[in-house]
C-alpha atoms as a PDB file:
ATOM      1  CA  MET A   1       0.000   0.000   0.000  1.00  0.00           C
ATOM      2  CA  ALA A   2       1.433   3.382  -1.000  1.00  0.00           C
ATOM      3  CA  SER A   3       2.314   5.927   1.661  1.00  0.00           C
ATOM      4  CA  ILE A   4       0.840   9.414   1.950  1.00  0.00           C
ATOM      5  CA  ASN A   5       3.185  11.914   3.639  1.00  0.00           C
ATOM      6  CA  GLY A   6       4.886   8.978   5.352  1.00  0.00           C
ATOM      7  CA  PHE A   7       1.572   7.389   6.409  1.00  0.00           C
ATOM      8  CA  LYS A   8       1.188   3.718   5.609  1.00  0.00           C
ATOM      9  CA  LEU A   9      -1.722   1.579   6.775  1.00  0.00           C
ATOM     10  CA  HIS A  10      -0.595  -1.121   9.196  1.00  0.00           C
ATOM     11  CA  GLU A  11      -0.526  -4.548   7.519  1.00  0.00           C
ATOM     12  CA  ARG A  12      -2.924  -6.077  10.074  1.00  0.00           C
ATOM     13  CA  LEU A  13      -5.520  -3.382   9.398  1.00  0.00           C
ATOM     14  CA  ALA A  14      -5.040  -3.839   5.672  1.00  0.00           C
ATOM     15  CA  ALA A  15      -5.574  -7.604   6.019  1.00  0.00           C
ATOM     16  CA  ASP A  16      -8.617  -7.461   8.336  1.00  0.00           C
ATOM     17  CA  THR A  17     -10.516  -4.563   6.770  1.00  0.00           C
ATOM     18  CA  LEU A  18     -11.892  -3.271   3.480  1.00  0.00           C
ATOM     19  CA  SER A  19     -11.547   0.284   2.201  1.00  0.00           C
ATOM     20  CA  LEU A  20     -14.511   2.634   2.348  1.00  0.00           C
ATOM     21  CA  GLY A  21     -12.463   5.596   1.119  1.00  0.00           C
ATOM     22  CA  ARG A  22     -10.910   8.531   2.894  1.00  0.00           C
ATOM     23  CA  SER A  23     -12.132  11.446   4.919  1.00  0.00           C
ATOM     24  CA  ARG A  24     -10.190  14.665   5.281  1.00  0.00           C
ATOM     25  CA  LEU A  25      -8.160  13.079   8.095  1.00  0.00           C
ATOM     26  CA  CYS A  26      -8.669   9.333   8.042  1.00  0.00           C
ATOM     27  CA  GLU A  27      -8.725   6.129   6.099  1.00  0.00           C
ATOM     28  CA  LEU A  28     -12.217   4.680   6.532  1.00  0.00           C
ATOM     29  CA  ARG A  29     -12.062   0.905   6.870  1.00  0.00           C
ATOM     30  CA  LEU A  30     -14.846  -1.654   7.188  1.00  0.00           C
ATOM     31  CA  MET A  31     -13.976  -4.570   9.454  1.00  0.00           C
ATOM     32  CA  ASN A  32     -14.505  -7.700   7.369  1.00  0.00           C
ATOM     33  CA  ASP A  33     -16.907  -9.172   9.924  1.00  0.00           C
ATOM     34  CA  SER A  34     -20.561  -9.038   8.945  1.00  0.00           C
ATOM     35  CA  THR A  35     -21.707  -9.854  12.491  1.00  0.00           C
ATOM     36  CA  TRP A  36     -21.664  -6.172  13.429  1.00  0.00           C
ATOM     37  CA  PRO A  37     -21.642  -2.882  11.518  1.00  0.00           C
ATOM     38  CA  TRP A  38     -18.005  -2.021  12.294  1.00  0.00           C
ATOM     39  CA  VAL A  39     -16.033   0.881  10.805  1.00  0.00           C
ATOM     40  CA  ILE A  40     -12.529   1.947  11.742  1.00  0.00           C
ATOM     41  CA  LEU A  41     -11.087   5.452  11.394  1.00  0.00           C
ATOM     42  CA  VAL A  42      -7.313   5.523  10.890  1.00  0.00           C
ATOM     43  CA  PRO A  43      -5.803   9.027  10.955  1.00  0.00           C
ATOM     44  CA  MET A  44      -3.444   9.369   7.993  1.00  0.00           C
ATOM     45  CA  ARG A  45      -0.517  10.589  10.064  1.00  0.00           C
ATOM     46  CA  ALA A  46       2.805   8.765  10.212  1.00  0.00           C
ATOM     47  CA  GLY A  47       4.119   7.489  13.520  1.00  0.00           C
ATOM     48  CA  ILE A  48       0.981   8.186  15.560  1.00  0.00           C
ATOM     49  CA  GLY A  49      -0.133   5.639  18.124  1.00  0.00           C
ATOM     50  CA  GLU A  50      -2.217   7.746  20.515  1.00  0.00           C
ATOM     51  CA  ILE A  51      -4.775  10.532  20.158  1.00  0.00           C
ATOM     52  CA  TYR A  52      -2.691  12.932  22.276  1.00  0.00           C
ATOM     53  CA  GLN A  53       0.118  12.655  19.701  1.00  0.00           C
ATOM     54  CA  LEU A  54      -2.058  14.360  17.080  1.00  0.00           C
ATOM     55  CA  ASP A  55      -1.875  18.131  16.872  1.00  0.00           C
ATOM     56  CA  GLU A  56      -4.863  20.011  18.269  1.00  0.00           C
ATOM     57  CA  ALA A  57      -6.541  20.545  14.886  1.00  0.00           C
ATOM     58  CA  ASP A  58      -6.265  16.838  14.052  1.00  0.00           C
ATOM     59  CA  GLN A  59      -7.609  15.899  17.496  1.00  0.00           C
ATOM     60  CA  GLN A  60     -10.642  18.114  16.929  1.00  0.00           C
ATOM     61  CA  ARG A  61     -11.144  16.759  13.412  1.00  0.00           C
ATOM     62  CA  LEU A  62     -10.900  13.159  14.662  1.00  0.00           C
ATOM     63  CA  LEU A  63     -13.506  13.831  17.354  1.00  0.00           C
ATOM     64  CA  TRP A  64     -15.821  15.409  14.770  1.00  0.00           C
ATOM     65  CA  GLU A  65     -15.383  12.530  12.299  1.00  0.00           C
ATOM     66  CA  SER A  66     -15.877   9.954  15.050  1.00  0.00           C
ATOM     67  CA  SER A  67     -19.020  11.681  16.317  1.00  0.00           C
ATOM     68  CA  GLU A  68     -20.539  12.035  12.852  1.00  0.00           C
ATOM     69  CA  LEU A  69     -19.704   8.437  11.977  1.00  0.00           C
ATOM     70  CA  SER A  70     -21.177   7.190  15.259  1.00  0.00           C
ATOM     71  CA  ARG A  71     -24.414   9.146  14.885  1.00  0.00           C
ATOM     72  CA  ASP A  72     -24.925   8.157  11.254  1.00  0.00           C
ATOM     73  CA  MET A  73     -24.152   4.478  11.875  1.00  0.00           C
ATOM     74  CA  MET A  74     -26.631   4.344  14.768  1.00  0.00           C
ATOM     75  CA  VAL A  75     -29.342   5.821  12.534  1.00  0.00           C
ATOM     76  CA  LEU A  76     -28.498   3.591   9.549  1.00  0.00           C
ATOM     77  CA  PHE A  77     -28.354   0.357  11.500  1.00  0.00           C
ATOM     78  CA  ALA A  78     -30.850   1.187  14.301  1.00  0.00           C
ATOM     79  CA  GLY A  79     -28.434   0.054  16.989  1.00  0.00           C
ATOM     80  CA  ASP A  80     -28.934  -0.099  20.726  1.00  0.00           C
ATOM     81  CA  LYS A  81     -25.422   1.063  21.634  1.00  0.00           C
ATOM     82  CA  MET A  82     -22.379   2.475  19.856  1.00  0.00           C
ATOM     83  CA  ASN A  83     -19.019   1.133  21.036  1.00  0.00           C
ATOM     84  CA  VAL A  84     -16.037   3.356  20.215  1.00  0.00           C
ATOM     85  CA  ALA A  85     -12.587   2.120  21.166  1.00  0.00           C
ATOM     86  CA  ALA A  86      -8.917   2.872  20.550  1.00  0.00           C
ATOM     87  CA  LEU A  87      -7.073  -0.110  22.014  1.00  0.00           C
ATOM     88  CA  GLY A  88      -3.904  -0.496  19.970  1.00  0.00           C
ATOM     89  CA  ASN A  89      -2.620  -3.478  21.928  1.00  0.00           C
ATOM     90  CA  ILE A  90      -2.030  -5.544  18.771  1.00  0.00           C
ATOM     91  CA  VAL A  91      -1.933  -2.799  16.107  1.00  0.00           C
ATOM     92  CA  PRO A  92       0.110   0.132  17.452  1.00  0.00           C
ATOM     93  CA  GLN A  93      -1.083   2.533  14.723  1.00  0.00           C
ATOM     94  CA  LEU A  94      -3.815   4.868  16.012  1.00  0.00           C
ATOM     95  CA  HIS A  95      -7.224   3.634  14.894  1.00  0.00           C
ATOM     96  CA  LEU A  96     -10.724   4.082  16.315  1.00  0.00           C
ATOM     97  CA  HIS A  97     -13.229   1.236  16.166  1.00  0.00           C
ATOM     98  CA  HIS A  98     -16.927   2.166  15.752  1.00  0.00           C
ATOM     99  CA  ILE A  99     -19.145  -0.860  16.376  1.00  0.00           C
ATOM    100  CA  VAL A 100     -22.935  -0.765  16.361  1.00  0.00           C
ATOM    101  CA  ARG A 101     -24.219  -3.115  19.043  1.00  0.00           C
ATOM    102  CA  PHE A 102     -27.589  -4.742  19.480  1.00  0.00           C
ATOM    103  CA  GLU A 103     -29.102  -6.219  22.630  1.00  0.00           C
ATOM    104  CA  GLY A 104     -28.946  -9.957  22.074  1.00  0.00           C
ATOM    105  CA  ASP A 105     -26.084  -9.877  19.542  1.00  0.00           C
ATOM    106  CA  PRO A 106     -23.591 -12.772  19.836  1.00  0.00           C
ATOM    107  CA  ALA A 107     -21.388 -10.917  22.349  1.00  0.00           C
ATOM    108  CA  TRP A 108     -23.957  -8.758  24.172  1.00  0.00           C
ATOM    109  CA  PRO A 109     -23.308  -7.148  26.615  1.00  0.00           C
ATOM    110  CA  ALA A 110     -19.573  -7.974  26.572  1.00  0.00           C
ATOM    111  CA  PRO A 111     -17.018  -6.486  24.148  1.00  0.00           C
ATOM    112  CA  VAL A 112     -16.940  -8.097  20.696  1.00  0.00           C
ATOM    113  CA  TRP A 113     -13.260  -9.076  20.762  1.00  0.00           C
ATOM    114  CA  GLY A 114     -12.594 -12.796  20.996  1.00  0.00           C
ATOM    115  CA  LYS A 115     -16.233 -13.839  21.220  1.00  0.00           C
ATOM    116  CA  GLN A 116     -16.398 -15.591  17.864  1.00  0.00           C
ATOM    117  CA  ALA A 117     -14.492 -15.954  14.618  1.00  0.00           C
ATOM    118  CA  PRO A 118     -15.144 -13.161  12.087  1.00  0.00           C
ATOM    119  CA  VAL A 119     -17.869 -13.822   9.534  1.00  0.00           C
ATOM    120  CA  ALA A 120     -16.528 -12.329   6.282  1.00  0.00           C
ATOM    121  CA  TYR A 121     -18.891 -10.379   4.056  1.00  0.00           C
ATOM    122  CA  ASP A 122     -20.191 -12.132   0.979  1.00  0.00           C
ATOM    123  CA  ASP A 123     -20.339 -10.083  -2.239  1.00  0.00           C
ATOM    124  CA  ALA A 124     -23.991  -9.070  -1.803  1.00  0.00           C
ATOM    125  CA  GLY A 125     -23.568  -8.135   1.857  1.00  0.00           C
ATOM    126  CA  LEU A 126     -20.461  -6.103   1.114  1.00  0.00           C
ATOM    127  CA  ALA A 127     -22.187  -4.239  -1.722  1.00  0.00           C
ATOM    128  CA  ARG A 128     -25.169  -3.502   0.546  1.00  0.00           C
ATOM    129  CA  VAL A 129     -23.115  -2.164   3.464  1.00  0.00           C
ATOM    130  CA  ARG A 130     -20.909  -0.079   1.158  1.00  0.00           C
ATOM    131  CA  GLU A 131     -24.036   1.458  -0.375  1.00  0.00           C
ATOM    132  CA  GLN A 132     -25.432   2.186   3.088  1.00  0.00           C
ATOM    133  CA  LEU A 133     -22.198   3.800   4.258  1.00  0.00           C
ATOM    134  CA  ALA A 134     -21.420   5.785   1.088  1.00  0.00           C
ATOM    135  CA  PRO A 135     -23.291   8.955   2.203  1.00  0.00           C
ATOM    136  CA  VAL A 136     -21.551   8.796   5.586  1.00  0.00           C
ATOM    137  CA  ALA A 137     -18.138   8.547   3.939  1.00  0.00           C
ATOM    138  CA  ALA A 138     -19.010  11.452   1.640  1.00  0.00           C
ATOM    139  CA  LYS A 139     -20.018  13.613   4.612  1.00  0.00           C
ATOM    140  CA  LEU A 140     -16.670  12.963   6.314  1.00  0.00           C
ATOM    141  CA  GLN A 141     -14.830  14.328   3.265  1.00  0.00           C
ATOM    142  CA  SER A 142     -16.336  17.801   3.795  1.00  0.00           C
END
């Protein structure tokens, strides 16, 4: 994957996710697990592992993009709870998970990590979720 101003997407993120495009600040990535609507924002800044390492303008932009993404995903998928997390224990590159949760989903009420093997999108499911998320991605480019 080509670098942008020294930014290169971590190989684990590249392997586990699918591109939804770019916002002004971030790569938008869809986790390839159809169990949950799950989008990851990856700020396109080299060498950043934590939010506090971003400059103030990028911190504010990341919060705005995360908030807009969260709100729009909850409306689109009619979720019960939005989980937002920046763990980075396995992938040190800063990335924010946005996972729409539903009461009674396979991991409810626990975190989704390690509960079950990922269920990859089939072609039809991937096309559907990309179509649903396209207006959200477009909004984040503004």
